[in-house]
Amino acid sequence: MGQEDLAFHETMDLHELLNLKTVALLKSKMMQGIVFDQDLRAMLEKNVQLSIMDIKQLQRLYPYAKTQ
C-alpha cells in the first residue's frame, strides 16, 4: 500500500462528493432553461462553472482510490 493511496472511507467520500457535485451541476444547468431573471441565471451559470472545476479536481484523486 502506497502512502498516497486513499483509505476506503476516503474513497467512499470521494464518490459521495462527486455524486453531489454532479447532481448540483445538472440541476443548475436544467434550471437555467426555465429561469427568466438575468441575475439568477448569472448565478446559476457561475455555479455551473464552479461545479465543473470542482468535479475536475475531484477526478484527479481517482488514481489514488482503493478498489479492493
PDB file of N, CA and C in Angstrom:
ATOM      1  N   MET A   1       0.846  -1.179   0.000  1.00  0.00           N
ATOM      2  CA  MET A   1       0.000   0.000   0.000  1.00  0.00           C
ATOM      3  C   MET A   1       0.884   1.232   0.000  1.00  0.00           C
ATOM      4  N   GLY A   2       0.682   2.091  -0.983  1.00  0.00           N
ATOM      5  CA  GLY A   2       1.459   3.310  -1.073  1.00  0.00           C
ATOM      6  C   GLY A   2       0.965   4.369  -0.102  1.00  0.00           C
ATOM      7  N   GLN A   3       1.826   5.278   0.208  1.00  0.00           N
ATOM      8  CA  GLN A   3       1.485   6.337   1.151  1.00  0.00           C
ATOM      9  C   GLN A   3       0.416   7.266   0.572  1.00  0.00           C
ATOM     10  N   GLU A   4       0.336   7.369  -0.746  1.00  0.00           N
ATOM     11  CA  GLU A   4      -0.599   8.294  -1.382  1.00  0.00           C
ATOM     12  C   GLU A   4      -1.978   7.691  -1.628  1.00  0.00           C
ATOM     13  N   ASP A   5      -2.146   6.387  -1.343  1.00  0.00           N
ATOM     14  CA  ASP A   5      -3.447   5.760  -1.558  1.00  0.00           C
ATOM     15  C   ASP A   5      -4.479   6.314  -0.587  1.00  0.00           C
ATOM     16  N   LEU A   6      -5.711   6.424  -1.082  1.00  0.00           N
ATOM     17  CA  LEU A   6      -6.808   6.833  -0.219  1.00  0.00           C
ATOM     18  C   LEU A   6      -7.291   5.627   0.576  1.00  0.00           C
ATOM     19  N   ALA A   7      -7.721   5.862   1.778  1.00  0.00           N
ATOM     20  CA  ALA A   7      -8.331   4.803   2.574  1.00  0.00           C
ATOM     21  C   ALA A   7      -9.721   4.509   2.006  1.00  0.00           C
ATOM     22  N   PHE A   8     -10.303   3.379   2.442  1.00  0.00           N
ATOM     23  CA  PHE A   8     -11.619   3.014   1.917  1.00  0.00           C
ATOM     24  C   PHE A   8     -12.669   4.078   2.211  1.00  0.00           C
ATOM     25  N   HIS A   9     -12.662   4.632   3.411  1.00  0.00           N
ATOM     26  CA  HIS A   9     -13.665   5.650   3.741  1.00  0.00           C
ATOM     27  C   HIS A   9     -13.435   6.933   2.940  1.00  0.00           C
ATOM     28  N   GLU A  10     -12.187   7.225   2.615  1.00  0.00           N
ATOM     29  CA  GLU A  10     -11.895   8.399   1.782  1.00  0.00           C
ATOM     30  C   GLU A  10     -12.359   8.173   0.349  1.00  0.00           C
ATOM     31  N   THR A  11     -12.232   6.942  -0.117  1.00  0.00           N
ATOM     32  CA  THR A  11     -12.723   6.596  -1.448  1.00  0.00           C
ATOM     33  C   THR A  11     -14.237   6.755  -1.515  1.00  0.00           C
ATOM     34  N   MET A  12     -14.928   6.304  -0.471  1.00  0.00           N
ATOM     35  CA  MET A  12     -16.381   6.460  -0.431  1.00  0.00           C
ATOM     36  C   MET A  12     -16.759   7.940  -0.356  1.00  0.00           C
ATOM     37  N   ASP A  13     -16.032   8.715   0.425  1.00  0.00           N
ATOM     38  CA  ASP A  13     -16.281  10.154   0.498  1.00  0.00           C
ATOM     39  C   ASP A  13     -16.083  10.815  -0.860  1.00  0.00           C
ATOM     40  N   LEU A  14     -15.057  10.387  -1.569  1.00  0.00           N
ATOM     41  CA  LEU A  14     -14.793  10.916  -2.906  1.00  0.00           C
ATOM     42  C   LEU A  14     -15.973  10.646  -3.832  1.00  0.00           C
ATOM     43  N   HIS A  15     -16.486   9.421  -3.802  1.00  0.00           N
ATOM     44  CA  HIS A  15     -17.644   9.072  -4.634  1.00  0.00           C
ATOM     45  C   HIS A  15     -18.863   9.906  -4.246  1.00  0.00           C
ATOM     46  N   GLU A  16     -19.081  10.082  -2.950  1.00  0.00           N
ATOM     47  CA  GLU A  16     -20.230  10.866  -2.498  1.00  0.00           C
ATOM     48  C   GLU A  16     -20.107  12.322  -2.934  1.00  0.00           C
ATOM     49  N   LEU A  17     -18.921  12.892  -2.825  1.00  0.00           N
ATOM     50  CA  LEU A  17     -18.715  14.278  -3.248  1.00  0.00           C
ATOM     51  C   LEU A  17     -18.918  14.438  -4.749  1.00  0.00           C
ATOM     52  N   LEU A  18     -18.400  13.484  -5.511  1.00  0.00           N
ATOM     53  CA  LEU A  18     -18.592  13.552  -6.958  1.00  0.00           C
ATOM     54  C   LEU A  18     -20.067  13.439  -7.329  1.00  0.00           C
ATOM     55  N   ASN A  19     -20.794  12.565  -6.661  1.00  0.00           N
ATOM     56  CA  ASN A  19     -22.232  12.448  -6.928  1.00  0.00           C
ATOM     57  C   ASN A  19     -22.956  13.738  -6.581  1.00  0.00           C
ATOM     58  N   LEU A  20     -22.633  14.314  -5.434  1.00  0.00           N
ATOM     59  CA  LEU A  20     -23.259  15.563  -5.011  1.00  0.00           C
ATOM     60  C   LEU A  20     -22.990  16.687  -6.007  1.00  0.00           C
ATOM     61  N   LYS A  21     -21.742  16.836  -6.416  1.00  0.00           N
ATOM     62  CA  LYS A  21     -21.376  17.901  -7.357  1.00  0.00           C
ATOM     63  C   LYS A  21     -22.020  17.679  -8.724  1.00  0.00           C
ATOM     64  N   THR A  22     -22.109  16.425  -9.147  1.00  0.00           N
ATOM     65  CA  THR A  22     -22.713  16.121 -10.444  1.00  0.00           C
ATOM     66  C   THR A  22     -24.205  16.440 -10.440  1.00  0.00           C
ATOM     67  N   VAL A  23     -24.889  16.073  -9.380  1.00  0.00           N
ATOM     68  CA  VAL A  23     -26.319  16.366  -9.282  1.00  0.00           C
ATOM     69  C   VAL A  23     -26.547  17.878  -9.223  1.00  0.00           C
ATOM     70  N   ALA A  24     -25.720  18.595  -8.455  1.00  0.00           N
ATOM     71  CA  ALA A  24     -25.847  20.053  -8.364  1.00  0.00           C
ATOM     72  C   ALA A  24     -25.599  20.702  -9.728  1.00  0.00           C
ATOM     73  N   LEU A  25     -24.614  20.187 -10.456  1.00  0.00           N
ATOM     74  CA  LEU A  25     -24.322  20.705 -11.785  1.00  0.00           C
ATOM     75  C   LEU A  25     -25.509  20.498 -12.720  1.00  0.00           C
ATOM     76  N   LEU A  26     -26.063  19.302 -12.731  1.00  0.00           N
ATOM     77  CA  LEU A  26     -27.201  19.016 -13.607  1.00  0.00           C
ATOM     78  C   LEU A  26     -28.417  19.859 -13.239  1.00  0.00           C
ATOM     79  N   LYS A  27     -28.672  20.017 -11.949  1.00  0.00           N
ATOM     80  CA  LYS A  27     -29.819  20.814 -11.519  1.00  0.00           C
ATOM     81  C   LYS A  27     -29.657  22.275 -11.929  1.00  0.00           C
ATOM     82  N   SER A  28     -28.484  22.841 -11.719  1.00  0.00           N
ATOM     83  CA  SER A  28     -28.247  24.236 -12.098  1.00  0.00           C
ATOM     84  C   SER A  28     -28.368  24.416 -13.600  1.00  0.00           C
ATOM     85  N   LYS A  29     -27.839  23.456 -14.353  1.00  0.00           N
ATOM     86  CA  LYS A  29     -27.891  23.549 -15.813  1.00  0.00           C
ATOM     87  C   LYS A  29     -29.339  23.478 -16.308  1.00  0.00           C
ATOM     88  N   MET A  30     -30.138  22.602 -15.710  1.00  0.00           N
ATOM     89  CA  MET A  30     -31.532  22.487 -16.118  1.00  0.00           C
ATOM     90  C   MET A  30     -32.337  23.715 -15.716  1.00  0.00           C
ATOM     91  N   MET A  31     -32.051  24.277 -14.552  1.00  0.00           N
ATOM     92  CA  MET A  31     -32.790  25.445 -14.076  1.00  0.00           C
ATOM     93  C   MET A  31     -32.523  26.672 -14.943  1.00  0.00           C
ATOM     94  N   GLN A  32     -31.355  26.730 -15.571  1.00  0.00           N
ATOM     95  CA  GLN A  32     -31.041  27.868 -16.444  1.00  0.00           C
ATOM     96  C   GLN A  32     -32.058  27.994 -17.579  1.00  0.00           C
ATOM     97  N   GLY A  33     -32.593  26.877 -18.023  1.00  0.00           N
ATOM     98  CA  GLY A  33     -33.539  26.895 -19.130  1.00  0.00           C
ATOM     99  C   GLY A  33     -34.902  27.441 -18.772  1.00  0.00           C
ATOM    100  N   ILE A  34     -35.252  27.456 -17.478  1.00  0.00           N
ATOM    101  CA  ILE A  34     -36.585  27.911 -17.099  1.00  0.00           C
ATOM    102  C   ILE A  34     -36.574  29.196 -16.279  1.00  0.00           C
ATOM    103  N   VAL A  35     -35.391  29.731 -16.021  1.00  0.00           N
ATOM    104  CA  VAL A  35     -35.279  30.958 -15.231  1.00  0.00           C
ATOM    105  C   VAL A  35     -35.250  32.167 -16.160  1.00  0.00           C
ATOM    106  N   PHE A  36     -36.052  33.169 -15.833  1.00  0.00           N
ATOM    107  CA  PHE A  36     -36.110  34.368 -16.663  1.00  0.00           C
ATOM    108  C   PHE A  36     -35.356  35.548 -16.065  1.00  0.00           C
ATOM    109  N   ASP A  37     -35.111  35.519 -14.762  1.00  0.00           N
ATOM    110  CA  ASP A  37     -34.372  36.591 -14.101  1.00  0.00           C
ATOM    111  C   ASP A  37     -32.892  36.487 -14.470  1.00  0.00           C
ATOM    112  N   GLN A  38     -32.340  37.543 -15.018  1.00  0.00           N
ATOM    113  CA  GLN A  38     -30.958  37.514 -15.506  1.00  0.00           C
ATOM    114  C   GLN A  38     -29.940  37.368 -14.379  1.00  0.00           C
ATOM    115  N   ASP A  39     -30.225  37.976 -13.225  1.00  0.00           N
ATOM    116  CA  ASP A  39     -29.299  37.838 -12.095  1.00  0.00           C
ATOM    117  C   ASP A  39     -29.238  36.395 -11.605  1.00  0.00           C
ATOM    118  N   LEU A  40     -30.404  35.777 -11.496  1.00  0.00           N
ATOM    119  CA  LEU A  40     -30.449  34.378 -11.076  1.00  0.00           C
ATOM    120  C   LEU A  40     -29.795  33.478 -12.114  1.00  0.00           C
ATOM    121  N   ARG A  41     -30.017  33.777 -13.372  1.00  0.00           N
ATOM    122  CA  ARG A  41     -29.389  32.990 -14.446  1.00  0.00           C
ATOM    123  C   ARG A  41     -27.869  33.100 -14.381  1.00  0.00           C
ATOM    124  N   ALA A  42     -27.368  34.307 -14.078  1.00  0.00           N
ATOM    125  CA  ALA A  42     -25.917  34.509 -13.957  1.00  0.00           C
ATOM    126  C   ALA A  42     -25.361  33.731 -12.765  1.00  0.00           C
ATOM    127  N   MET A  43     -26.118  33.698 -11.672  1.00  0.00           N
ATOM    128  CA  MET A  43     -25.680  32.925 -10.504  1.00  0.00           C
ATOM    129  C   MET A  43     -25.641  31.436 -10.815  1.00  0.00           C
ATOM    130  N   LEU A  44     -26.635  30.962 -11.546  1.00  0.00           N
ATOM    131  CA  LEU A  44     -26.662  29.556 -11.932  1.00  0.00           C
ATOM    132  C   LEU A  44     -25.486  29.222 -12.857  1.00  0.00           C
ATOM    133  N   GLU A  45     -25.168  30.120 -13.773  1.00  0.00           N
ATOM    134  CA  GLU A  45     -24.039  29.894 -14.681  1.00  0.00           C
ATOM    135  C   GLU A  45     -22.722  29.850 -13.906  1.00  0.00           C
ATOM    136  N   LYS A  46     -22.593  30.736 -12.922  1.00  0.00           N
ATOM    137  CA  LYS A  46     -21.387  30.721 -12.090  1.00  0.00           C
ATOM    138  C   LYS A  46     -21.302  29.409 -11.313  1.00  0.00           C
ATOM    139  N   ASN A  47     -22.435  28.943 -10.806  1.00  0.00           N
ATOM    140  CA  ASN A  47     -22.457  27.668 -10.096  1.00  0.00           C
ATOM    141  C   ASN A  47     -22.063  26.519 -11.014  1.00  0.00           C
ATOM    142  N   VAL A  48     -22.524  26.553 -12.252  1.00  0.00           N
ATOM    143  CA  VAL A  48     -22.166  25.515 -13.228  1.00  0.00           C
ATOM    144  C   VAL A  48     -20.654  25.504 -13.453  1.00  0.00           C
ATOM    145  N   GLN A  49     -20.078  26.676 -13.677  1.00  0.00           N
ATOM    146  CA  GLN A  49     -18.642  26.756 -13.931  1.00  0.00           C
ATOM    147  C   GLN A  49     -17.820  26.288 -12.725  1.00  0.00           C
ATOM    148  N   LEU A  50     -18.233  26.682 -11.526  1.00  0.00           N
ATOM    149  CA  LEU A  50     -17.525  26.255 -10.320  1.00  0.00           C
ATOM    150  C   LEU A  50     -17.673  24.752 -10.089  1.00  0.00           C
ATOM    151  N   SER A  51     -18.846  24.218 -10.371  1.00  0.00           N
ATOM    152  CA  SER A  51     -19.067  22.780 -10.209  1.00  0.00           C
ATOM    153  C   SER A  51     -18.198  21.984 -11.172  1.00  0.00           C
ATOM    154  N   ILE A  52     -18.060  22.465 -12.381  1.00  0.00           N
ATOM    155  CA  ILE A  52     -17.207  21.788 -13.363  1.00  0.00           C
ATOM    156  C   ILE A  52     -15.753  21.768 -12.873  1.00  0.00           C
ATOM    157  N   MET A  53     -15.296  22.886 -12.344  1.00  0.00           N
ATOM    158  CA  MET A  53     -13.921  22.937 -11.816  1.00  0.00           C
ATOM    159  C   MET A  53     -13.763  21.988 -10.630  1.00  0.00           C
ATOM    160  N   ASP A  54     -14.749  21.949  -9.739  1.00  0.00           N
ATOM    161  CA  ASP A  54     -14.687  21.058  -8.578  1.00  0.00           C
ATOM    162  C   ASP A  54     -14.650  19.595  -9.000  1.00  0.00           C
ATOM    163  N   ILE A  55     -15.483  19.243  -9.976  1.00  0.00           N
ATOM    164  CA  ILE A  55     -15.522  17.859 -10.456  1.00  0.00           C
ATOM    165  C   ILE A  55     -14.184  17.465 -11.059  1.00  0.00           C
ATOM    166  N   LYS A  56     -13.583  18.354 -11.824  1.00  0.00           N
ATOM    167  CA  LYS A  56     -12.272  18.054 -12.412  1.00  0.00           C
ATOM    168  C   LYS A  56     -11.215  17.840 -11.337  1.00  0.00           C
ATOM    169  N   GLN A  57     -11.258  18.639 -10.287  1.00  0.00           N
ATOM    170  CA  GLN A  57     -10.299  18.470  -9.191  1.00  0.00           C
ATOM    171  C   GLN A  57     -10.517  17.150  -8.463  1.00  0.00           C
ATOM    172  N   LEU A  58     -11.765  16.790  -8.236  1.00  0.00           N
ATOM    173  CA  LEU A  58     -12.053  15.529  -7.561  1.00  0.00           C
ATOM    174  C   LEU A  58     -11.658  14.335  -8.429  1.00  0.00           C
ATOM    175  N   GLN A  59     -11.821  14.450  -9.736  1.00  0.00           N
ATOM    176  CA  GLN A  59     -11.469  13.356 -10.634  1.00  0.00           C
ATOM    177  C   GLN A  59      -9.968  13.067 -10.606  1.00  0.00           C
ATOM    178  N   ARG A  60      -9.174  14.068 -10.280  1.00  0.00           N
ATOM    179  CA  ARG A  60      -7.724  13.845 -10.202  1.00  0.00           C
ATOM    180  C   ARG A  60      -7.348  12.920  -9.045  1.00  0.00           C
ATOM    181  N   LEU A  61      -8.252  12.723  -8.105  1.00  0.00           N
ATOM    182  CA  LEU A  61      -7.986  11.841  -6.968  1.00  0.00           C
ATOM    183  C   LEU A  61      -8.300  10.373  -7.261  1.00  0.00           C
ATOM    184  N   TYR A  62      -8.995  10.111  -8.353  1.00  0.00           N
ATOM    185  CA  TYR A  62      -9.389   8.744  -8.670  1.00  0.00           C
ATOM    186  C   TYR A  62      -8.218   7.750  -8.762  1.00  0.00           C
ATOM    187  N   PRO A  63      -7.076   8.113  -9.306  1.00  0.00           N
ATOM    188  CA  PRO A  63      -5.982   7.123  -9.342  1.00  0.00           C
ATOM    189  C   PRO A  63      -5.533   6.658  -7.965  1.00  0.00           C
ATOM    190  N   TYR A  64      -5.835   7.403  -6.929  1.00  0.00           N
ATOM    191  CA  TYR A  64      -5.423   7.052  -5.572  1.00  0.00           C
ATOM    192  C   TYR A  64      -6.510   6.332  -4.797  1.00  0.00           C
ATOM    193  N   ALA A  65      -7.671   6.130  -5.406  1.00  0.00           N
ATOM    194  CA  ALA A  65      -8.794   5.470  -4.714  1.00  0.00           C
ATOM    195  C   ALA A  65      -8.569   3.976  -4.651  1.00  0.00           C
ATOM    196  N   LYS A  66      -8.965   3.394  -3.520  1.00  0.00           N
ATOM    197  CA  LYS A  66      -8.856   1.948  -3.356  1.00  0.00           C
ATOM    198  C   LYS A  66     -10.027   1.272  -4.047  1.00  0.00           C
ATOM    199  N   THR A  67      -9.742   0.164  -4.695  1.00  0.00           N
ATOM    200  CA  THR A  67     -10.799  -0.593  -5.370  1.00  0.00           C
ATOM    201  C   THR A  67     -10.929  -1.996  -4.810  1.00  0.00           C
ATOM    202  N   GLN A  68      -9.944  -2.445  -4.059  1.00  0.00           N
ATOM    203  CA  GLN A  68     -10.010  -3.806  -3.461  1.00  0.00           C
ATOM    204  C   GLN A  68      -9.467  -3.778  -2.071  1.00  0.00           C
TER     205      GLN A  68
END
